[in-house]
Amino acid sequence: KGVFSVCAIENFENPNGSEGRVKWERTAIWNKREEK
């Protein structure tokens, strides 16, 4: 069907030394009309 969906989570260290976390979801749907 041309569908791919993921959730990415990044754990990182802030410049002040504390831990940070961001999360983002993204879904891609293939446009079958445009196979280019």
PDB file of all heavy atoms in Angstrom:
ATOM      1  N   LYS A   1       0.818  -1.214   0.000  1.00  0.00           N
ATOM      2  CA  LYS A   1       0.000   0.000   0.000  1.00  0.00           C
ATOM      3  C   LYS A   1       0.851   1.263   0.000  1.00  0.00           C
ATOM      4  O   LYS A   1       0.341   2.369  -0.188  1.00  0.00           O
ATOM      5  CB  LYS A   1      -0.935   0.012   1.212  1.00  0.00           C
ATOM      6  CG  LYS A   1      -2.020  -1.040   1.128  1.00  0.00           C
ATOM      7  CD  LYS A   1      -2.933  -0.956   2.314  1.00  0.00           C
ATOM      8  CE  LYS A   1      -4.031  -2.004   2.227  1.00  0.00           C
ATOM      9  NZ  LYS A   1      -4.893  -2.013   3.413  1.00  0.00           N
ATOM     10  N   GLY A   2       2.156   1.098   0.235  1.00  0.00           N
ATOM     11  CA  GLY A   2       3.051   2.245   0.232  1.00  0.00           C
ATOM     12  C   GLY A   2       2.928   3.104   1.467  1.00  0.00           C
ATOM     13  O   GLY A   2       2.894   4.327   1.376  1.00  0.00           O
ATOM     14  N   VAL A   3       2.881   2.461   2.652  1.00  0.00           N
ATOM     15  CA  VAL A   3       2.778   3.202   3.914  1.00  0.00           C
ATOM     16  C   VAL A   3       3.921   2.773   4.828  1.00  0.00           C
ATOM     17  O   VAL A   3       4.192   1.589   4.990  1.00  0.00           O
ATOM     18  CB  VAL A   3       1.428   2.920   4.626  1.00  0.00           C
ATOM     19  CG1 VAL A   3       1.380   3.631   5.964  1.00  0.00           C
ATOM     20  CG2 VAL A   3       0.266   3.348   3.755  1.00  0.00           C
ATOM     21  N   PHE A   4       4.595   3.765   5.408  1.00  0.00           N
ATOM     22  CA  PHE A   4       5.664   3.489   6.357  1.00  0.00           C
ATOM     23  C   PHE A   4       5.606   4.547   7.445  1.00  0.00           C
ATOM     24  O   PHE A   4       5.650   5.737   7.173  1.00  0.00           O
ATOM     25  CB  PHE A   4       7.030   3.516   5.650  1.00  0.00           C
ATOM     26  CG  PHE A   4       8.192   3.191   6.554  1.00  0.00           C
ATOM     27  CD1 PHE A   4       8.300   1.948   7.151  1.00  0.00           C
ATOM     28  CD2 PHE A   4       9.167   4.130   6.808  1.00  0.00           C
ATOM     29  CE1 PHE A   4       9.347   1.646   7.982  1.00  0.00           C
ATOM     30  CE2 PHE A   4      10.233   3.841   7.640  1.00  0.00           C
ATOM     31  CZ  PHE A   4      10.322   2.590   8.222  1.00  0.00           C
ATOM     32  N   SER A   5       5.467   4.114   8.709  1.00  0.00           N
ATOM     33  CA  SER A   5       5.301   5.043   9.818  1.00  0.00           C
ATOM     34  C   SER A   5       6.243   4.662  10.948  1.00  0.00           C
ATOM     35  O   SER A   5       6.327   3.492  11.327  1.00  0.00           O
ATOM     36  CB  SER A   5       3.850   4.997  10.310  1.00  0.00           C
ATOM     37  OG  SER A   5       3.650   5.919  11.344  1.00  0.00           O
ATOM     38  N   VAL A   6       6.982   5.654  11.474  1.00  0.00           N
ATOM     39  CA  VAL A   6       7.926   5.392  12.561  1.00  0.00           C
ATOM     40  C   VAL A   6       7.808   6.448  13.649  1.00  0.00           C
ATOM     41  O   VAL A   6       7.272   7.542  13.437  1.00  0.00           O
ATOM     42  CB  VAL A   6       9.397   5.365  12.069  1.00  0.00           C
ATOM     43  CG1 VAL A   6       9.633   4.329  11.027  1.00  0.00           C
ATOM     44  CG2 VAL A   6       9.826   6.730  11.590  1.00  0.00           C
ATOM     45  N   CYS A   7       8.328   6.084  14.801  1.00  0.00           N
ATOM     46  CA  CYS A   7       8.447   7.012  15.927  1.00  0.00           C
ATOM     47  C   CYS A   7       9.923   7.004  16.325  1.00  0.00           C
ATOM     48  O   CYS A   7      10.489   5.938  16.567  1.00  0.00           O
ATOM     49  CB  CYS A   7       7.574   6.545  17.085  1.00  0.00           C
ATOM     50  SG  CYS A   7       7.815   7.511  18.587  1.00  0.00           S
ATOM     51  N   ALA A   8      10.553   8.173  16.347  1.00  0.00           N
ATOM     52  CA  ALA A   8      11.963   8.279  16.727  1.00  0.00           C
ATOM     53  C   ALA A   8      12.074   9.023  18.047  1.00  0.00           C
ATOM     54  O   ALA A   8      11.410  10.033  18.265  1.00  0.00           O
ATOM     55  CB  ALA A   8      12.749   9.001  15.649  1.00  0.00           C
ATOM     56  N   ILE A   9      12.908   8.501  18.935  1.00  0.00           N
ATOM     57  CA  ILE A   9      13.149   9.118  20.236  1.00  0.00           C
ATOM     58  C   ILE A   9      14.641   9.355  20.363  1.00  0.00           C
ATOM     59  O   ILE A   9      15.450   8.454  20.129  1.00  0.00           O
ATOM     60  CB  ILE A   9      12.659   8.221  21.387  1.00  0.00           C
ATOM     61  CG1 ILE A   9      11.154   7.974  21.255  1.00  0.00           C
ATOM     62  CG2 ILE A   9      12.983   8.846  22.735  1.00  0.00           C
ATOM     63  CD1 ILE A   9      10.619   6.906  22.178  1.00  0.00           C
ATOM     64  N   GLU A  10      15.006  10.582  20.720  1.00  0.00           N
ATOM     65  CA  GLU A  10      16.415  10.918  20.916  1.00  0.00           C
ATOM     66  C   GLU A  10      16.628  11.339  22.362  1.00  0.00           C
ATOM     67  O   GLU A  10      15.962  12.230  22.869  1.00  0.00           O
ATOM     68  CB  GLU A  10      16.828  12.062  19.984  1.00  0.00           C
ATOM     69  CG  GLU A  10      18.285  12.431  20.136  1.00  0.00           C
ATOM     70  CD  GLU A  10      18.683  13.670  19.360  1.00  0.00           C
ATOM     71  OE1 GLU A  10      17.791  14.386  18.869  1.00  0.00           O
ATOM     72  OE2 GLU A  10      19.882  13.932  19.271  1.00  0.00           O
ATOM     73  N   ASN A  11      17.555  10.663  23.028  1.00  0.00           N
ATOM     74  CA  ASN A  11      17.985  11.048  24.370  1.00  0.00           C
ATOM     75  C   ASN A  11      19.337  11.744  24.225  1.00  0.00           C
ATOM     76  O   ASN A  11      20.235  11.221  23.573  1.00  0.00           O
ATOM     77  CB  ASN A  11      18.130   9.820  25.279  1.00  0.00           C
ATOM     78  CG  ASN A  11      16.791   9.162  25.527  1.00  0.00           C
ATOM     79  OD1 ASN A  11      15.835   9.811  25.897  1.00  0.00           O
ATOM     80  ND2 ASN A  11      16.712   7.866  25.296  1.00  0.00           N
ATOM     81  N   PHE A  12      19.467  12.926  24.803  1.00  0.00           N
ATOM     82  CA  PHE A  12      20.686  13.706  24.622  1.00  0.00           C
ATOM     83  C   PHE A  12      21.033  14.442  25.911  1.00  0.00           C
ATOM     84  O   PHE A  12      20.247  14.482  26.857  1.00  0.00           O
ATOM     85  CB  PHE A  12      20.516  14.711  23.472  1.00  0.00           C
ATOM     86  CG  PHE A  12      19.396  15.693  23.699  1.00  0.00           C
ATOM     87  CD1 PHE A  12      19.640  16.922  24.287  1.00  0.00           C
ATOM     88  CD2 PHE A  12      18.088  15.383  23.325  1.00  0.00           C
ATOM     89  CE1 PHE A  12      18.610  17.815  24.505  1.00  0.00           C
ATOM     90  CE2 PHE A  12      17.059  16.282  23.533  1.00  0.00           C
ATOM     91  CZ  PHE A  12      17.316  17.504  24.130  1.00  0.00           C
ATOM     92  N   GLU A  13      22.220  15.039  25.906  1.00  0.00           N
ATOM     93  CA  GLU A  13      22.669  15.815  27.062  1.00  0.00           C
ATOM     94  C   GLU A  13      22.607  17.291  26.694  1.00  0.00           C
ATOM     95  O   GLU A  13      23.149  17.714  25.681  1.00  0.00           O
ATOM     96  CB  GLU A  13      24.097  15.424  27.432  1.00  0.00           C
ATOM     97  CG  GLU A  13      24.573  16.067  28.712  1.00  0.00           C
ATOM     98  CD  GLU A  13      25.955  15.583  29.121  1.00  0.00           C
ATOM     99  OE1 GLU A  13      26.226  14.377  29.003  1.00  0.00           O
ATOM    100  OE2 GLU A  13      26.751  16.430  29.551  1.00  0.00           O
ATOM    101  N   ASN A  14      21.899  18.073  27.499  1.00  0.00           N
ATOM    102  CA  ASN A  14      21.801  19.517  27.286  1.00  0.00           C
ATOM    103  C   ASN A  14      23.144  20.179  27.573  1.00  0.00           C
ATOM    104  O   ASN A  14      23.988  19.603  28.270  1.00  0.00           O
ATOM    105  CB  ASN A  14      20.724  20.120  28.208  1.00  0.00           C
ATOM    106  CG  ASN A  14      19.327  19.837  27.700  1.00  0.00           C
ATOM    107  OD1 ASN A  14      18.996  20.143  26.569  1.00  0.00           O
ATOM    108  ND2 ASN A  14      18.499  19.240  28.545  1.00  0.00           N
ATOM    109  N   PRO A  15      23.359  21.405  27.047  1.00  0.00           N
ATOM    110  CA  PRO A  15      24.622  22.109  27.331  1.00  0.00           C
ATOM    111  C   PRO A  15      24.883  22.313  28.823  1.00  0.00           C
ATOM    112  O   PRO A  15      26.026  22.406  29.237  1.00  0.00           O
ATOM    113  CB  PRO A  15      24.432  23.461  26.629  1.00  0.00           C
ATOM    114  CG  PRO A  15      23.432  23.210  25.557  1.00  0.00           C
ATOM    115  CD  PRO A  15      22.523  22.138  26.102  1.00  0.00           C
ATOM    116  N   ASN A  16      23.811  22.345  29.632  1.00  0.00           N
ATOM    117  CA  ASN A  16      24.008  22.538  31.081  1.00  0.00           C
ATOM    118  C   ASN A  16      24.226  21.212  31.821  1.00  0.00           C
ATOM    119  O   ASN A  16      24.317  21.189  33.030  1.00  0.00           O
ATOM    120  CB  ASN A  16      22.827  23.301  31.686  1.00  0.00           C
ATOM    121  CG  ASN A  16      21.517  22.517  31.611  1.00  0.00           C
ATOM    122  OD1 ASN A  16      21.494  21.371  31.179  1.00  0.00           O
ATOM    123  ND2 ASN A  16      20.438  23.142  32.022  1.00  0.00           N
ATOM    124  N   GLY A  17      24.270  20.098  31.080  1.00  0.00           N
ATOM    125  CA  GLY A  17      24.555  18.798  31.686  1.00  0.00           C
ATOM    126  C   GLY A  17      23.342  17.954  32.008  1.00  0.00           C
ATOM    127  O   GLY A  17      23.468  16.766  32.278  1.00  0.00           O
ATOM    128  N   SER A  18      22.143  18.524  31.957  1.00  0.00           N
ATOM    129  CA  SER A  18      20.943  17.739  32.259  1.00  0.00           C
ATOM    130  C   SER A  18      20.560  16.897  31.038  1.00  0.00           C
ATOM    131  O   SER A  18      20.963  17.178  29.915  1.00  0.00           O
ATOM    132  CB  SER A  18      19.781  18.663  32.634  1.00  0.00           C
ATOM    133  OG  SER A  18      19.419  19.474  31.539  1.00  0.00           O
ATOM    134  N   GLU A  19      19.793  15.858  31.291  1.00  0.00           N
ATOM    135  CA  GLU A  19      19.368  14.976  30.206  1.00  0.00           C
ATOM    136  C   GLU A  19      18.112  15.519  29.547  1.00  0.00           C
ATOM    137  O   GLU A  19      17.241  16.074  30.205  1.00  0.00           O
ATOM    138  CB  GLU A  19      19.113  13.564  30.736  1.00  0.00           C
ATOM    139  CG  GLU A  19      20.370  12.839  31.145  1.00  0.00           C
ATOM    140  CD  GLU A  19      20.104  11.406  31.568  1.00  0.00           C
ATOM    141  OE1 GLU A  19      18.985  10.914  31.371  1.00  0.00           O
ATOM    142  OE2 GLU A  19      21.024  10.784  32.109  1.00  0.00           O
ATOM    143  N   GLY A  20      18.048  15.357  28.244  1.00  0.00           N
ATOM    144  CA  GLY A  20      16.884  15.799  27.480  1.00  0.00           C
ATOM    145  C   GLY A  20      16.371  14.664  26.610  1.00  0.00           C
ATOM    146  O   GLY A  20      17.096  13.718  26.307  1.00  0.00           O
ATOM    147  N   ARG A  21      15.114  14.792  26.194  1.00  0.00           N
ATOM    148  CA  ARG A  21      14.512  13.756  25.359  1.00  0.00           C
ATOM    149  C   ARG A  21      13.490  14.397  24.433  1.00  0.00           C
ATOM    150  O   ARG A  21      12.687  15.218  24.869  1.00  0.00           O
ATOM    151  CB  ARG A  21      13.827  12.726  26.250  1.00  0.00           C
ATOM    152  CG  ARG A  21      13.149  11.613  25.494  1.00  0.00           C
ATOM    153  CD  ARG A  21      12.511  10.656  26.464  1.00  0.00           C
ATOM    154  NE  ARG A  21      11.799   9.624  25.744  1.00  0.00           N
ATOM    155  CZ  ARG A  21      11.581   8.425  26.190  1.00  0.00           C
ATOM    156  NH1 ARG A  21      12.008   8.089  27.380  1.00  0.00           N
ATOM    157  NH2 ARG A  21      10.934   7.542  25.479  1.00  0.00           N
ATOM    158  N   VAL A  22      13.579  14.051  23.149  1.00  0.00           N
ATOM    159  CA  VAL A  22      12.581  14.512  22.189  1.00  0.00           C
ATOM    160  C   VAL A  22      12.050  13.299  21.432  1.00  0.00           C
ATOM    161  O   VAL A  22      12.747  12.312  21.236  1.00  0.00           O
ATOM    162  CB  VAL A  22      13.140  15.561  21.196  1.00  0.00           C
ATOM    163  CG1 VAL A  22      13.409  16.874  21.877  1.00  0.00           C
ATOM    164  CG2 VAL A  22      14.369  15.060  20.474  1.00  0.00           C
ATOM    165  N   LYS A  23      10.796  13.417  21.023  1.00  0.00           N
ATOM    166  CA  LYS A  23      10.130  12.310  20.337  1.00  0.00           C
ATOM    167  C   LYS A  23       9.384  12.889  19.150  1.00  0.00           C
ATOM    168  O   LYS A  23       8.781  13.961  19.248  1.00  0.00           O
ATOM    169  CB  LYS A  23       9.153  11.648  21.314  1.00  0.00           C
ATOM    170  CG  LYS A  23       8.337  10.525  20.729  1.00  0.00           C
ATOM    171  CD  LYS A  23       7.423   9.958  21.818  1.00  0.00           C
ATOM    172  CE  LYS A  23       6.486   8.913  21.253  1.00  0.00           C
ATOM    173  NZ  LYS A  23       5.583   8.385  22.276  1.00  0.00           N
ATOM    174  N   TRP A  24       9.452  12.192  18.011  1.00  0.00           N
ATOM    175  CA  TRP A  24       8.757  12.667  16.833  1.00  0.00           C
ATOM    176  C   TRP A  24       8.269  11.473  16.020  1.00  0.00           C
ATOM    177  O   TRP A  24       8.969  10.490  15.876  1.00  0.00           O
ATOM    178  CB  TRP A  24       9.684  13.530  15.970  1.00  0.00           C
ATOM    179  CG  TRP A  24       8.917  14.365  15.007  1.00  0.00           C
ATOM    180  CD1 TRP A  24       8.724  14.110  13.694  1.00  0.00           C
ATOM    181  CD2 TRP A  24       8.202  15.565  15.294  1.00  0.00           C
ATOM    182  NE1 TRP A  24       7.941  15.090  13.137  1.00  0.00           N
ATOM    183  CE2 TRP A  24       7.608  15.989  14.097  1.00  0.00           C
ATOM    184  CE3 TRP A  24       8.011  16.321  16.444  1.00  0.00           C
ATOM    185  CZ2 TRP A  24       6.830  17.146  14.022  1.00  0.00           C
ATOM    186  CZ3 TRP A  24       7.251  17.469  16.353  1.00  0.00           C
ATOM    187  CH2 TRP A  24       6.671  17.869  15.161  1.00  0.00           C
ATOM    188  N   GLU A  25       7.039  11.580  15.513  1.00  0.00           N
ATOM    189  CA  GLU A  25       6.472  10.534  14.671  1.00  0.00           C
ATOM    190  C   GLU A  25       6.333  11.061  13.251  1.00  0.00           C
ATOM    191  O   GLU A  25       6.051  12.229  13.052  1.00  0.00           O
ATOM    192  CB  GLU A  25       5.098  10.105  15.186  1.00  0.00           C
ATOM    193  CG  GLU A  25       5.154   9.378  16.504  1.00  0.00           C
ATOM    194  CD  GLU A  25       3.787   8.938  17.004  1.00  0.00           C
ATOM    195  OE1 GLU A  25       2.818   8.973  16.215  1.00  0.00           O
ATOM    196  OE2 GLU A  25       3.697   8.563  18.174  1.00  0.00           O
ATOM    197  N   ARG A  26       6.521  10.150  12.301  1.00  0.00           N
ATOM    198  CA  ARG A  26       6.408  10.545  10.896  1.00  0.00           C
ATOM    199  C   ARG A  26       5.862   9.368  10.103  1.00  0.00           C
ATOM    200  O   ARG A  26       6.265   8.236  10.280  1.00  0.00           O
ATOM    201  CB  ARG A  26       7.778  10.951  10.355  1.00  0.00           C
ATOM    202  CG  ARG A  26       7.814  11.292   8.901  1.00  0.00           C
ATOM    203  CD  ARG A  26       7.140  12.605   8.616  1.00  0.00           C
ATOM    204  NE  ARG A  26       7.359  12.975   7.236  1.00  0.00           N
ATOM    205  CZ  ARG A  26       6.476  13.569   6.471  1.00  0.00           C
ATOM    206  NH1 ARG A  26       5.308  13.900   6.958  1.00  0.00           N
ATOM    207  NH2 ARG A  26       6.737  13.877   5.238  1.00  0.00           N
ATOM    208  N   THR A  27       4.900   9.671   9.211  1.00  0.00           N
ATOM    209  CA  THR A  27       4.334   8.667   8.311  1.00  0.00           C
ATOM    210  C   THR A  27       4.549   9.128   6.875  1.00  0.00           C
ATOM    211  O   THR A  27       4.307  10.280   6.546  1.00  0.00           O
ATOM    212  CB  THR A  27       2.821   8.486   8.573  1.00  0.00           C
ATOM    213  OG1 THR A  27       2.645   8.061   9.927  1.00  0.00           O
ATOM    214  CG2 THR A  27       2.222   7.453   7.636  1.00  0.00           C
ATOM    215  N   ALA A  28       5.013   8.205   6.044  1.00  0.00           N
ATOM    216  CA  ALA A  28       5.180   8.485   4.614  1.00  0.00           C
ATOM    217  C   ALA A  28       4.213   7.603   3.844  1.00  0.00           C
ATOM    218  O   ALA A  28       4.066   6.419   4.131  1.00  0.00           O
ATOM    219  CB  ALA A  28       6.613   8.219   4.172  1.00  0.00           C
ATOM    220  N   ILE A  29       3.535   8.192   2.873  1.00  0.00           N
ATOM    221  CA  ILE A  29       2.612   7.450   2.011  1.00  0.00           C
ATOM    222  C   ILE A  29       3.076   7.637   0.570  1.00  0.00           C
ATOM    223  O   ILE A  29       3.246   8.766   0.109  1.00  0.00           O
ATOM    224  CB  ILE A  29       1.162   7.954   2.186  1.00  0.00           C
ATOM    225  CG1 ILE A  29       0.734   7.783   3.644  1.00  0.00           C
ATOM    226  CG2 ILE A  29       0.222   7.225   1.241  1.00  0.00           C
ATOM    227  CD1 ILE A  29      -0.598   8.405   3.983  1.00  0.00           C
ATOM    228  N   TRP A  30       3.296   6.532  -0.104  1.00  0.00           N
ATOM    229  CA  TRP A  30       3.790   6.566  -1.469  1.00  0.00           C
ATOM    230  C   TRP A  30       2.703   7.044  -2.419  1.00  0.00           C
ATOM    231  O   TRP A  30       1.588   6.538  -2.412  1.00  0.00           O
ATOM    232  CB  TRP A  30       4.266   5.175  -1.877  1.00  0.00           C
ATOM    233  CG  TRP A  30       5.005   5.163  -3.169  1.00  0.00           C
ATOM    234  CD1 TRP A  30       4.505   4.958  -4.406  1.00  0.00           C
ATOM    235  CD2 TRP A  30       6.402   5.380  -3.344  1.00  0.00           C
ATOM    236  NE1 TRP A  30       5.485   5.032  -5.332  1.00  0.00           N
ATOM    237  CE2 TRP A  30       6.673   5.291  -4.711  1.00  0.00           C
ATOM    238  CE3 TRP A  30       7.448   5.642  -2.459  1.00  0.00           C
ATOM    239  CZ2 TRP A  30       7.951   5.442  -5.227  1.00  0.00           C
ATOM    240  CZ3 TRP A  30       8.713   5.791  -2.977  1.00  0.00           C
ATOM    241  CH2 TRP A  30       8.955   5.686  -4.354  1.00  0.00           C
ATOM    242  N   ASN A  31       3.026   8.026  -3.216  1.00  0.00           N
ATOM    243  CA  ASN A  31       2.098   8.529  -4.219  1.00  0.00           C
ATOM    244  C   ASN A  31       2.203   7.629  -5.450  1.00  0.00           C
ATOM    245  O   ASN A  31       3.143   7.729  -6.229  1.00  0.00           O
ATOM    246  CB  ASN A  31       2.439   9.980  -4.573  1.00  0.00           C
ATOM    247  CG  ASN A  31       1.441  10.580  -5.545  1.00  0.00           C
ATOM    248  OD1 ASN A  31       0.539   9.903  -6.032  1.00  0.00           O
ATOM    249  ND2 ASN A  31       1.607  11.852  -5.825  1.00  0.00           N
ATOM    250  N   LYS A  32       1.212   6.750  -5.616  1.00  0.00           N
ATOM    251  CA  LYS A  32       1.275   5.785  -6.709  1.00  0.00           C
ATOM    252  C   LYS A  32       1.119   6.433  -8.076  1.00  0.00           C
ATOM    253  O   LYS A  32       1.505   5.871  -9.079  1.00  0.00           O
ATOM    254  CB  LYS A  32       0.207   4.704  -6.514  1.00  0.00           C
ATOM    255  CG  LYS A  32       0.482   3.854  -5.292  1.00  0.00           C
ATOM    256  CD  LYS A  32      -0.485   2.735  -5.167  1.00  0.00           C
ATOM    257  CE  LYS A  32      -0.132   1.908  -3.933  1.00  0.00           C
ATOM    258  NZ  LYS A  32      -1.027   0.804  -3.715  1.00  0.00           N
ATOM    259  N   ARG A  33       0.528   7.612  -8.119  1.00  0.00           N
ATOM    260  CA  ARG A  33       0.370   8.307  -9.400  1.00  0.00           C
ATOM    261  C   ARG A  33       1.709   8.824  -9.909  1.00  0.00           C
ATOM    262  O   ARG A  33       1.884   9.050 -11.080  1.00  0.00           O
ATOM    263  CB  ARG A  33      -0.609   9.475  -9.247  1.00  0.00           C
ATOM    264  CG  ARG A  33      -2.045   9.006  -9.196  1.00  0.00           C
ATOM    265  CD  ARG A  33      -2.954  10.176  -9.142  1.00  0.00           C
ATOM    266  NE  ARG A  33      -3.490  10.262  -7.797  1.00  0.00           N
ATOM    267  CZ  ARG A  33      -3.916  11.349  -7.221  1.00  0.00           C
ATOM    268  NH1 ARG A  33      -3.890  12.491  -7.852  1.00  0.00           N
ATOM    269  NH2 ARG A  33      -4.381  11.337  -6.011  1.00  0.00           N
ATOM    270  N   GLU A  34       2.627   9.045  -8.993  1.00  0.00           N
ATOM    271  CA  GLU A  34       3.921   9.594  -9.395  1.00  0.00           C
ATOM    272  C   GLU A  34       5.028   8.658  -8.951  1.00  0.00           C
ATOM    273  O   GLU A  34       5.507   8.712  -7.836  1.00  0.00           O
ATOM    274  CB  GLU A  34       4.121  10.971  -8.768  1.00  0.00           C
ATOM    275  CG  GLU A  34       5.355  11.682  -9.266  1.00  0.00           C
ATOM    276  CD  GLU A  34       5.552  13.020  -8.592  1.00  0.00           C
ATOM    277  OE1 GLU A  34       4.574  13.652  -8.216  1.00  0.00           O
ATOM    278  OE2 GLU A  34       6.706  13.408  -8.448  1.00  0.00           O
ATOM    279  N   GLU A  35       5.428   7.757  -9.825  1.00  0.00           N
ATOM    280  CA  GLU A  35       6.462   6.776  -9.523  1.00  0.00           C
ATOM    281  C   GLU A  35       7.854   7.331  -9.798  1.00  0.00           C
ATOM    282  O   GLU A  35       8.838   6.626  -9.663  1.00  0.00           O
ATOM    283  CB  GLU A  35       6.245   5.500 -10.358  1.00  0.00           C
ATOM    284  CG  GLU A  35       5.026   4.701  -9.945  1.00  0.00           C
ATOM    285  CD  GLU A  35       5.217   3.991  -8.617  1.00  0.00           C
ATOM    286  OE1 GLU A  35       6.333   3.566  -8.319  1.00  0.00           O
ATOM    287  OE2 GLU A  35       4.242   3.887  -7.869  1.00  0.00           O
ATOM    288  N   LYS A  36       7.937   8.577 -10.215  1.00  0.00           N
ATOM    289  CA  LYS A  36       9.219   9.199 -10.518  1.00  0.00           C
ATOM    290  C   LYS A  36      10.064   9.277  -9.248  1.00  0.00           C
ATOM    291  O   LYS A  36       9.583   9.708  -8.202  1.00  0.00           O
ATOM    292  CB  LYS A  36       8.977  10.602 -11.069  1.00  0.00           C
ATOM    293  CG  LYS A  36      10.214  11.278 -11.591  1.00  0.00           C
ATOM    294  CD  LYS A  36       9.820  12.601 -12.199  1.00  0.00           C
ATOM    295  CE  LYS A  36      10.453  13.701 -11.368  1.00  0.00           C
ATOM    296  NZ  LYS A  36      10.183  15.024 -11.862  1.00  0.00           N
TER     297      LYS A  36
END
